Amino acid sequence: MPITYTPDELEAAIRAAGAQVEAHQNAGHSQKAREAFDEVRRLVALRSPETVERMELERGLS
């Protein structure tokens, strides 16, 4: 059964996974950084269309 997130939980998970990418990069662990980035990409894909639209509006992208 897939994990479900509230919007706030999802954003927190994305930030945490992003921090893992940075930590692995800083430690020189390229493969682990790539794997962590795959998790970021997977989590970002879970954002709802409404969330994406709101974020784009906030950034002046739409």
PDB file of N, CA and C in Angstrom:
ATOM      1  N   MET A   1       0.842  -1.177   0.000  1.00  0.00           N
ATOM      2  CA  MET A   1       0.000   0.000   0.000  1.00  0.00           C
ATOM      3  C   MET A   1       0.890   1.243   0.000  1.00  0.00           C
ATOM      4  N   PRO A   2       0.683   2.156  -0.944  1.00  0.00           N
ATOM      5  CA  PRO A   2       1.547   3.339  -1.032  1.00  0.00           C
ATOM      6  C   PRO A   2       1.347   4.285   0.158  1.00  0.00           C
ATOM      7  N   ILE A   3       2.401   4.988   0.470  1.00  0.00           N
ATOM      8  CA  ILE A   3       2.344   5.985   1.534  1.00  0.00           C
ATOM      9  C   ILE A   3       1.587   7.194   0.997  1.00  0.00           C
ATOM     10  N   THR A   4       0.693   7.738   1.804  1.00  0.00           N
ATOM     11  CA  THR A   4       0.012   8.969   1.419  1.00  0.00           C
ATOM     12  C   THR A   4       0.494  10.088   2.331  1.00  0.00           C
ATOM     13  N   TYR A   5       0.589  11.258   1.776  1.00  0.00           N
ATOM     14  CA  TYR A   5       1.092  12.422   2.494  1.00  0.00           C
ATOM     15  C   TYR A   5       0.059  13.535   2.446  1.00  0.00           C
ATOM     16  N   THR A   6      -0.017  14.313   3.512  1.00  0.00           N
ATOM     17  CA  THR A   6      -0.726  15.584   3.421  1.00  0.00           C
ATOM     18  C   THR A   6       0.191  16.502   2.621  1.00  0.00           C
ATOM     19  N   PRO A   7      -0.338  17.603   2.085  1.00  0.00           N
ATOM     20  CA  PRO A   7       0.559  18.520   1.354  1.00  0.00           C
ATOM     21  C   PRO A   7       1.755  18.983   2.186  1.00  0.00           C
ATOM     22  N   ASP A   8       1.533  19.286   3.454  1.00  0.00           N
ATOM     23  CA  ASP A   8       2.649  19.729   4.306  1.00  0.00           C
ATOM     24  C   ASP A   8       3.653  18.605   4.547  1.00  0.00           C
ATOM     25  N   GLU A   9       3.161  17.400   4.753  1.00  0.00           N
ATOM     26  CA  GLU A   9       4.070  16.253   4.950  1.00  0.00           C
ATOM     27  C   GLU A   9       4.890  15.991   3.689  1.00  0.00           C
ATOM     28  N   LEU A  10       4.257  16.125   2.536  1.00  0.00           N
ATOM     29  CA  LEU A  10       4.966  15.904   1.278  1.00  0.00           C
ATOM     30  C   LEU A  10       6.088  16.927   1.103  1.00  0.00           C
ATOM     31  N   GLU A  11       5.785  18.195   1.359  1.00  0.00           N
ATOM     32  CA  GLU A  11       6.821  19.223   1.226  1.00  0.00           C
ATOM     33  C   GLU A  11       7.959  18.980   2.219  1.00  0.00           C
ATOM     34  N   ALA A  12       7.637  18.535   3.427  1.00  0.00           N
ATOM     35  CA  ALA A  12       8.680  18.222   4.415  1.00  0.00           C
ATOM     36  C   ALA A  12       9.527  17.047   3.939  1.00  0.00           C
ATOM     37  N   ALA A  13       8.895  16.042   3.352  1.00  0.00           N
ATOM     38  CA  ALA A  13       9.631  14.884   2.834  1.00  0.00           C
ATOM     39  C   ALA A  13      10.543  15.300   1.684  1.00  0.00           C
ATOM     40  N   ILE A  14      10.061  16.192   0.836  1.00  0.00           N
ATOM     41  CA  ILE A  14      10.882  16.686  -0.286  1.00  0.00           C
ATOM     42  C   ILE A  14      12.097  17.439   0.259  1.00  0.00           C
ATOM     43  N   ARG A  15      11.871  18.303   1.243  1.00  0.00           N
ATOM     44  CA  ARG A  15      13.009  19.046   1.833  1.00  0.00           C
ATOM     45  C   ARG A  15      14.014  18.095   2.485  1.00  0.00           C
ATOM     46  N   ALA A  16      13.511  17.091   3.190  1.00  0.00           N
ATOM     47  CA  ALA A  16      14.408  16.134   3.857  1.00  0.00           C
ATOM     48  C   ALA A  16      15.214  15.344   2.834  1.00  0.00           C
ATOM     49  N   ALA A  17      14.561  14.910   1.781  1.00  0.00           N
ATOM     50  CA  ALA A  17      15.279  14.167   0.739  1.00  0.00           C
ATOM     51  C   ALA A  17      16.300  15.067   0.054  1.00  0.00           C
ATOM     52  N   GLY A  18      15.949  16.331  -0.148  1.00  0.00           N
ATOM     53  CA  GLY A  18      16.897  17.285  -0.742  1.00  0.00           C
ATOM     54  C   GLY A  18      18.118  17.484   0.145  1.00  0.00           C
ATOM     55  N   ALA A  19      17.891  17.502   1.446  1.00  0.00           N
ATOM     56  CA  ALA A  19      19.010  17.633   2.381  1.00  0.00           C
ATOM     57  C   ALA A  19      19.928  16.417   2.290  1.00  0.00           C
ATOM     58  N   GLN A  20      19.345  15.244   2.054  1.00  0.00           N
ATOM     59  CA  GLN A  20      20.152  14.037   1.880  1.00  0.00           C
ATOM     60  C   GLN A  20      21.014  14.134   0.625  1.00  0.00           C
ATOM     61  N   VAL A  21      20.429  14.677  -0.450  1.00  0.00           N
ATOM     62  CA  VAL A  21      21.206  14.870  -1.685  1.00  0.00           C
ATOM     63  C   VAL A  21      22.419  15.733  -1.381  1.00  0.00           C
ATOM     64  N   GLU A  22      22.175  16.863  -0.732  1.00  0.00           N
ATOM     65  CA  GLU A  22      23.263  17.792  -0.426  1.00  0.00           C
ATOM     66  C   GLU A  22      24.319  17.149   0.466  1.00  0.00           C
ATOM     67  N   ALA A  23      23.878  16.414   1.483  1.00  0.00           N
ATOM     68  CA  ALA A  23      24.829  15.770   2.394  1.00  0.00           C
ATOM     69  C   ALA A  23      25.700  14.762   1.654  1.00  0.00           C
ATOM     70  N   HIS A  24      25.094  13.966   0.783  1.00  0.00           N
ATOM     71  CA  HIS A  24      25.871  12.979   0.025  1.00  0.00           C
ATOM     72  C   HIS A  24      26.831  13.663  -0.948  1.00  0.00           C
ATOM     73  N   GLN A  25      26.375  14.742  -1.584  1.00  0.00           N
ATOM     74  CA  GLN A  25      27.259  15.476  -2.496  1.00  0.00           C
ATOM     75  C   GLN A  25      28.446  16.044  -1.737  1.00  0.00           C
ATOM     76  N   ASN A  26      28.160  16.655  -0.594  1.00  0.00           N
ATOM     77  CA  ASN A  26      29.237  17.257   0.205  1.00  0.00           C
ATOM     78  C   ASN A  26      30.233  16.220   0.696  1.00  0.00           C
ATOM     79  N   ALA A  27      29.761  15.002   0.897  1.00  0.00           N
ATOM     80  CA  ALA A  27      30.639  13.924   1.361  1.00  0.00           C
ATOM     81  C   ALA A  27      31.353  13.241   0.200  1.00  0.00           C
ATOM     82  N   GLY A  28      31.034  13.665  -1.024  1.00  0.00           N
ATOM     83  CA  GLY A  28      31.678  13.070  -2.188  1.00  0.00           C
ATOM     84  C   GLY A  28      31.099  11.733  -2.601  1.00  0.00           C
ATOM     85  N   HIS A  29      29.889  11.445  -2.184  1.00  0.00           N
ATOM     86  CA  HIS A  29      29.235  10.170  -2.510  1.00  0.00           C
ATOM     87  C   HIS A  29      28.270  10.371  -3.671  1.00  0.00           C
ATOM     88  N   SER A  30      28.795  10.383  -4.863  1.00  0.00           N
ATOM     89  CA  SER A  30      28.000  10.697  -6.054  1.00  0.00           C
ATOM     90  C   SER A  30      26.852   9.723  -6.274  1.00  0.00           C
ATOM     91  N   GLN A  31      27.096   8.440  -6.131  1.00  0.00           N
ATOM     92  CA  GLN A  31      26.038   7.463  -6.376  1.00  0.00           C
ATOM     93  C   GLN A  31      24.912   7.618  -5.362  1.00  0.00           C
ATOM     94  N   LYS A  32      25.250   7.794  -4.102  1.00  0.00           N
ATOM     95  CA  LYS A  32      24.221   7.987  -3.081  1.00  0.00           C
ATOM     96  C   LYS A  32      23.451   9.278  -3.322  1.00  0.00           C
ATOM     97  N   ALA A  33      24.146  10.321  -3.788  1.00  0.00           N
ATOM     98  CA  ALA A  33      23.476  11.586  -4.103  1.00  0.00           C
ATOM     99  C   ALA A  33      22.483  11.386  -5.245  1.00  0.00           C
ATOM    100  N   ARG A  34      22.870  10.625  -6.261  1.00  0.00           N
ATOM    101  CA  ARG A  34      21.955  10.346  -7.387  1.00  0.00           C
ATOM    102  C   ARG A  34      20.733   9.571  -6.911  1.00  0.00           C
ATOM    103  N   GLU A  35      20.955   8.603  -6.048  1.00  0.00           N
ATOM    104  CA  GLU A  35      19.838   7.810  -5.519  1.00  0.00           C
ATOM    105  C   GLU A  35      18.898   8.682  -4.685  1.00  0.00           C
ATOM    106  N   ALA A  36      19.462   9.572  -3.880  1.00  0.00           N
ATOM    107  CA  ALA A  36      18.643  10.478  -3.075  1.00  0.00           C
ATOM    108  C   ALA A  36      17.876  11.440  -3.981  1.00  0.00           C
ATOM    109  N   PHE A  37      18.515  11.891  -5.066  1.00  0.00           N
ATOM    110  CA  PHE A  37      17.827  12.790  -5.992  1.00  0.00           C
ATOM    111  C   PHE A  37      16.674  12.066  -6.674  1.00  0.00           C
ATOM    112  N   ASP A  38      16.830  10.780  -6.954  1.00  0.00           N
ATOM    113  CA  ASP A  38      15.721  10.006  -7.516  1.00  0.00           C
ATOM    114  C   ASP A  38      14.521  10.033  -6.576  1.00  0.00           C
ATOM    115  N   GLU A  39      14.778   9.982  -5.277  1.00  0.00           N
ATOM    116  CA  GLU A  39      13.699  10.058  -4.292  1.00  0.00           C
ATOM    117  C   GLU A  39      13.050  11.438  -4.316  1.00  0.00           C
ATOM    118  N   VAL A  40      13.843  12.493  -4.430  1.00  0.00           N
ATOM    119  CA  VAL A  40      13.287  13.842  -4.546  1.00  0.00           C
ATOM    120  C   VAL A  40      12.372  13.912  -5.765  1.00  0.00           C
ATOM    121  N   ARG A  41      12.862  13.420  -6.880  1.00  0.00           N
ATOM    122  CA  ARG A  41      12.084  13.445  -8.129  1.00  0.00           C
ATOM    123  C   ARG A  41      10.769  12.680  -7.967  1.00  0.00           C
ATOM    124  N   ARG A  42      10.820  11.524  -7.311  1.00  0.00           N
ATOM    125  CA  ARG A  42       9.617  10.720  -7.089  1.00  0.00           C
ATOM    126  C   ARG A  42       8.613  11.473  -6.220  1.00  0.00           C
ATOM    127  N   LEU A  43       9.106  12.105  -5.166  1.00  0.00           N
ATOM    128  CA  LEU A  43       8.230  12.848  -4.269  1.00  0.00           C
ATOM    129  C   LEU A  43       7.630  14.076  -4.946  1.00  0.00           C
ATOM    130  N   VAL A  44       8.433  14.797  -5.715  1.00  0.00           N
ATOM    131  CA  VAL A  44       7.925  15.987  -6.418  1.00  0.00           C
ATOM    132  C   VAL A  44       6.809  15.590  -7.376  1.00  0.00           C
ATOM    133  N   ALA A  45       6.926  14.423  -7.991  1.00  0.00           N
ATOM    134  CA  ALA A  45       5.892  13.958  -8.918  1.00  0.00           C
ATOM    135  C   ALA A  45       4.561  13.696  -8.214  1.00  0.00           C
ATOM    136  N   LEU A  46       4.577  13.572  -6.893  1.00  0.00           N
ATOM    137  CA  LEU A  46       3.351  13.346  -6.132  1.00  0.00           C
ATOM    138  C   LEU A  46       2.579  14.630  -5.834  1.00  0.00           C
ATOM    139  N   ARG A  47       3.187  15.789  -6.121  1.00  0.00           N
ATOM    140  CA  ARG A  47       2.490  17.054  -5.875  1.00  0.00           C
ATOM    141  C   ARG A  47       1.227  17.109  -6.724  1.00  0.00           C
ATOM    142  N   SER A  48       0.187  17.653  -6.127  1.00  0.00           N
ATOM    143  CA  SER A  48      -1.070  17.787  -6.860  1.00  0.00           C
ATOM    144  C   SER A  48      -0.944  18.894  -7.898  1.00  0.00           C
ATOM    145  N   PRO A  49      -1.756  18.824  -8.961  1.00  0.00           N
ATOM    146  CA  PRO A  49      -1.736  19.906  -9.956  1.00  0.00           C
ATOM    147  C   PRO A  49      -2.041  21.265  -9.320  1.00  0.00           C
ATOM    148  N   GLU A  50      -2.894  21.289  -8.316  1.00  0.00           N
ATOM    149  CA  GLU A  50      -3.223  22.548  -7.636  1.00  0.00           C
ATOM    150  C   GLU A  50      -2.009  23.110  -6.911  1.00  0.00           C
ATOM    151  N   THR A  51      -1.246  22.244  -6.291  1.00  0.00           N
ATOM    152  CA  THR A  51      -0.044  22.687  -5.588  1.00  0.00           C
ATOM    153  C   THR A  51       0.974  23.237  -6.576  1.00  0.00           C
ATOM    154  N   VAL A  52       1.151  22.543  -7.677  1.00  0.00           N
ATOM    155  CA  VAL A  52       2.101  23.000  -8.701  1.00  0.00           C
ATOM    156  C   VAL A  52       1.661  24.357  -9.246  1.00  0.00           C
ATOM    157  N   GLU A  53       0.377  24.503  -9.526  1.00  0.00           N
ATOM    158  CA  GLU A  53      -0.135  25.771 -10.055  1.00  0.00           C
ATOM    159  C   GLU A  53       0.085  26.906  -9.054  1.00  0.00           C
ATOM    160  N   ARG A  54      -0.219  26.649  -7.770  1.00  0.00           N
ATOM    161  CA  ARG A  54      -0.021  27.667  -6.741  1.00  0.00           C
ATOM    162  C   ARG A  54       1.448  28.072  -6.649  1.00  0.00           C
ATOM    163  N   MET A  55       2.341  27.090  -6.694  1.00  0.00           N
ATOM    164  CA  MET A  55       3.775  27.380  -6.599  1.00  0.00           C
ATOM    165  C   MET A  55       4.248  28.194  -7.805  1.00  0.00           C
ATOM    166  N   GLU A  56       3.743  27.848  -8.977  1.00  0.00           N
ATOM    167  CA  GLU A  56       4.115  28.600 -10.179  1.00  0.00           C
ATOM    168  C   GLU A  56       3.628  30.040 -10.091  1.00  0.00           C
ATOM    169  N   LEU A  57       2.410  30.232  -9.603  1.00  0.00           N
ATOM    170  CA  LEU A  57       1.875  31.587  -9.442  1.00  0.00           C
ATOM    171  C   LEU A  57       2.704  32.387  -8.444  1.00  0.00           C
ATOM    172  N   GLU A  58       3.082  31.738  -7.333  1.00  0.00           N
ATOM    173  CA  GLU A  58       3.905  32.414  -6.320  1.00  0.00           C
ATOM    174  C   GLU A  58       5.240  32.852  -6.892  1.00  0.00           C
ATOM    175  N   ARG A  59       5.749  32.122  -7.834  1.00  0.00           N
ATOM    176  CA  ARG A  59       7.065  32.422  -8.425  1.00  0.00           C
ATOM    177  C   ARG A  59       6.944  33.231  -9.720  1.00  0.00           C
ATOM    178  N   GLY A  60       5.709  33.568 -10.094  1.00  0.00           N
ATOM    179  CA  GLY A  60       5.502  34.353 -11.309  1.00  0.00           C
ATOM    180  C   GLY A  60       5.784  33.550 -12.578  1.00  0.00           C
ATOM    181  N   LEU A  61       5.599  32.241 -12.512  1.00  0.00           N
ATOM    182  CA  LEU A  61       5.914  31.389 -13.662  1.00  0.00           C
ATOM    183  C   LEU A  61       4.703  31.081 -14.536  1.00  0.00           C
ATOM    184  N   SER A  62       3.514  31.520 -14.123  1.00  0.00           N
ATOM    185  CA  SER A  62       2.364  31.269 -14.995  1.00  0.00           C
ATOM    186  C   SER A  62       1.467  32.469 -15.052  1.00  0.00           C
TER     187      SER A  62
END
